[in-house]
Protein backbone atom coordinates (compact mmCIF):
# COMPACT_ATOMS: atom_id res chain seq x y z
CA UNK A 1 0.00 0.00 0.00
CA UNK A 2 2.80 2.44 0.85
CA UNK A 3 5.21 1.16 -1.84
CA UNK A 4 4.10 3.58 -4.62
CA UNK A 5 4.52 6.55 -2.28
CA UNK A 6 7.96 5.61 -0.94
CA UNK A 7 9.85 7.06 -3.90
CA UNK A 8 8.04 10.39 -3.48
CA UNK A 9 8.53 10.32 0.29
CA UNK A 10 12.25 9.67 -0.19
CA UNK A 11 12.53 13.17 -1.68
CA UNK A 12 10.80 14.81 1.28
CA UNK A 13 12.17 16.10 4.56
CA UNK A 14 10.25 14.19 7.22
CA UNK A 15 10.49 14.88 10.94
CA UNK A 16 9.35 12.51 13.66
CA UNK A 17 8.22 14.56 16.67
CA UNK A 18 9.16 11.78 19.07
CA UNK A 19 12.23 10.32 20.69
CA UNK A 20 10.54 6.92 20.94
CA UNK A 21 12.87 4.14 19.75
CA UNK A 22 9.79 2.06 18.85
CA UNK A 23 8.37 4.75 16.57
CA UNK A 24 11.77 5.26 14.95
CA UNK A 25 12.06 1.51 14.38
CA UNK A 26 8.62 1.38 12.72
CA UNK A 27 9.48 4.23 10.33
CA UNK A 28 12.79 2.55 9.52
CA UNK A 29 10.97 -0.72 8.80
CA UNK A 30 8.89 0.92 6.07
CA UNK A 31 11.97 2.57 4.60
CA UNK A 32 11.36 6.22 5.45
CA UNK A 33 14.22 8.67 5.75
CA UNK A 34 13.48 11.02 8.62
CA UNK A 35 15.00 13.23 11.25
CA UNK A 36 14.10 13.03 14.92
CA UNK A 37 13.15 16.17 16.82
CA UNK A 38 11.48 15.10 20.07
CA UNK A 39 8.56 17.22 21.17
CA UNK A 40 8.77 18.94 24.50
CA UNK A 41 4.98 19.12 24.78
CA UNK A 42 4.00 18.37 28.36
CA UNK A 43 1.40 15.63 28.20
CA UNK A 44 -0.98 17.08 30.74
CA UNK A 45 -4.26 17.50 28.87
CA UNK A 46 -7.36 16.93 30.99
CA UNK A 47 -8.64 13.54 29.81
CA UNK A 48 -12.13 14.41 31.08
CA UNK A 49 -12.48 17.12 28.41
CA UNK A 50 -12.46 14.55 25.59
CA UNK A 51 -15.42 12.52 24.35
CA UNK A 52 -13.25 9.43 23.84
CA UNK A 53 -9.71 8.14 24.36
CA UNK A 54 -9.18 8.37 20.58
CA UNK A 55 -9.95 12.10 20.70
CA UNK A 56 -7.49 12.46 23.57
CA UNK A 57 -4.60 10.68 21.78
CA UNK A 58 -5.23 12.57 18.53
CA UNK A 59 -5.12 15.91 20.36
CA UNK A 60 -1.96 14.94 22.24
CA UNK A 61 -0.35 13.81 18.96
CA UNK A 62 -1.35 17.12 17.35
CA UNK A 63 0.13 19.15 20.19
CA UNK A 64 3.40 17.19 19.96
CA UNK A 65 3.63 17.78 16.19
CA UNK A 66 2.71 21.47 16.53
CA UNK A 67 5.32 21.93 19.25
CA UNK A 68 8.01 20.77 16.83
CA UNK A 69 6.49 22.81 13.98
CA UNK A 70 6.62 25.94 16.13
CA UNK A 71 10.32 25.31 16.84
CA UNK A 72 10.95 25.00 13.12
CA UNK A 73 8.91 28.09 12.24
CA UNK A 74 10.99 30.18 14.62
CA UNK A 75 14.02 29.59 12.36
CA UNK A 76 15.50 27.12 14.81
CA UNK A 77 14.64 24.51 12.19
CA UNK A 78 17.34 25.55 9.77
CA UNK A 79 20.01 24.53 12.23
CA UNK A 80 18.12 21.37 13.21
CA UNK A 81 17.13 19.97 9.82
CA UNK A 82 19.22 22.06 7.41
CA UNK A 83 16.30 22.16 4.99
CA UNK A 84 12.59 22.89 4.58
CA UNK A 85 10.38 20.36 6.39
CA UNK A 86 7.64 18.72 4.30
CA UNK A 87 6.04 16.48 6.92
CA UNK A 88 5.99 16.29 10.71
CA UNK A 89 4.68 13.12 12.31
CA UNK A 90 3.30 13.28 15.86
CA UNK A 91 1.94 10.28 17.76
CA UNK A 92 0.57 9.32 21.14
CA UNK A 93 -0.42 5.94 22.56
CA UNK A 94 -2.46 5.04 25.62
CA UNK A 95 -3.85 1.88 27.14
CA UNK A 96 -7.54 1.78 27.96
CA UNK A 97 -8.66 -0.49 30.80
CA UNK A 98 -12.40 -0.22 31.34
CA UNK A 99 -13.05 3.53 31.49
CA UNK A 100 -9.53 4.40 32.61
CA UNK A 101 -6.84 5.82 30.30
CA UNK A 102 -3.38 4.59 31.27
CA UNK A 103 -0.32 6.41 29.97
CA UNK A 104 3.35 5.54 30.01
CA UNK A 105 4.37 4.58 33.55
CA UNK A 106 6.27 7.21 35.51
CA UNK A 107 8.60 4.79 37.30
CA UNK A 108 9.21 1.09 37.94
CA UNK A 109 6.68 0.91 40.77
CA UNK A 110 4.02 2.45 38.54
CA UNK A 111 4.91 0.05 35.70
CA UNK A 112 4.53 -2.96 38.01
CA UNK A 113 1.19 -1.63 39.22
CA UNK A 114 -0.05 -1.07 35.65
CA UNK A 115 1.05 -4.48 34.37
CA UNK A 116 -0.51 -6.17 37.39
CA UNK A 117 -3.82 -4.42 36.65
CA UNK A 118 -3.67 -5.63 33.01
CA UNK A 119 -2.76 -9.23 33.85
CA UNK A 120 -5.36 -11.78 32.68
CA UNK A 121 -7.61 -9.02 31.30
CA UNK A 122 -8.72 -7.58 28.01
CA UNK A 123 -7.77 -3.97 27.31
CA UNK A 124 -7.31 -1.64 24.34
CA UNK A 125 -4.28 0.14 22.97
CA UNK A 126 -5.13 3.35 21.14
CA UNK A 127 -2.65 5.37 19.07
CA UNK A 128 -3.37 8.77 17.61
CA UNK A 129 -1.34 10.09 14.67
CA UNK A 130 -1.05 13.63 13.39
CA UNK A 131 0.57 14.51 10.07
CA UNK A 132 1.45 18.16 9.52
CA UNK A 133 2.20 19.33 5.99
CA UNK A 134 2.80 22.81 4.58
CA UNK A 135 4.94 23.39 7.66
CA UNK A 136 6.31 26.61 6.15
CA UNK A 137 2.96 28.28 6.84
CA UNK A 138 1.23 29.27 10.05
CA UNK A 139 -1.94 27.53 8.78
CA UNK A 140 -0.42 24.15 8.13
CA UNK A 141 -2.43 21.21 6.84
CA UNK A 142 -3.40 18.79 9.64
CA UNK A 143 -4.32 15.16 9.00
CA UNK A 144 -5.31 13.01 11.97
CA UNK A 145 -6.32 9.42 12.52
CA UNK A 146 -6.19 6.76 15.17
CA UNK A 147 -6.02 3.00 15.56
CA UNK A 148 -7.53 1.06 18.43
CA UNK A 149 -6.62 -2.57 19.07
CA UNK A 150 -7.97 -5.02 21.61
CA UNK A 151 -5.29 -6.87 23.54
CA UNK A 152 -6.07 -9.93 25.62
CA UNK A 153 -3.26 -10.44 28.09
CA UNK A 154 -2.52 -13.74 29.73
CA UNK A 155 -1.97 -14.04 33.43
CA UNK A 156 1.42 -12.68 34.49
CA UNK A 157 3.17 -13.69 37.68
CA UNK A 158 4.73 -11.02 39.88
CA UNK A 159 8.16 -12.43 39.01
CA UNK A 160 7.51 -12.10 35.27
CA UNK A 161 6.18 -8.56 35.67
CA UNK A 162 9.17 -7.47 37.76
CA UNK A 163 11.65 -9.04 35.33
CA UNK A 164 9.96 -7.34 32.39
CA UNK A 165 9.98 -3.96 34.11
CA UNK A 166 13.71 -4.39 34.88
CA UNK A 167 14.38 -4.53 31.11
CA UNK A 168 13.19 -0.90 30.86
CA UNK A 169 10.86 -1.76 27.98
CA UNK A 170 7.63 -0.53 29.65
CA UNK A 171 9.20 2.84 30.42
């Protein structure tokens, strides 16, 4: 599906507004050339103001992408990318357990608590994506979408959870 567009995308300056190794790996897997400029957007939006978790992750992804766009529009971008930016990709992912939105754990104790609450249960993972184009303009083009996936987790022992958290992967 993406194959016909890859040659055109290869000519574009793409920026990933995330320092996430997982997101970088995914973009590398599909063959995109991109630069990484992590967003400094503080993820503190009030979840209660959103009709759904998908609305929340899309807004957070948009704010991350716009944070990087604003850096680039203030001429800092020339020294960061060395060229005009054609596309900025912002993303945010949350876990949804019942009516509760769970974000990235803040520390090991929090990670153990989260994984314990997910053990032997069904939950959803929701990722919002924002694509910003026409970054040279104040009124840039914004494209947003999300993906929501059900995950059914097996039962995890405390030992397995603690060992997994020690790898740093959940952080």
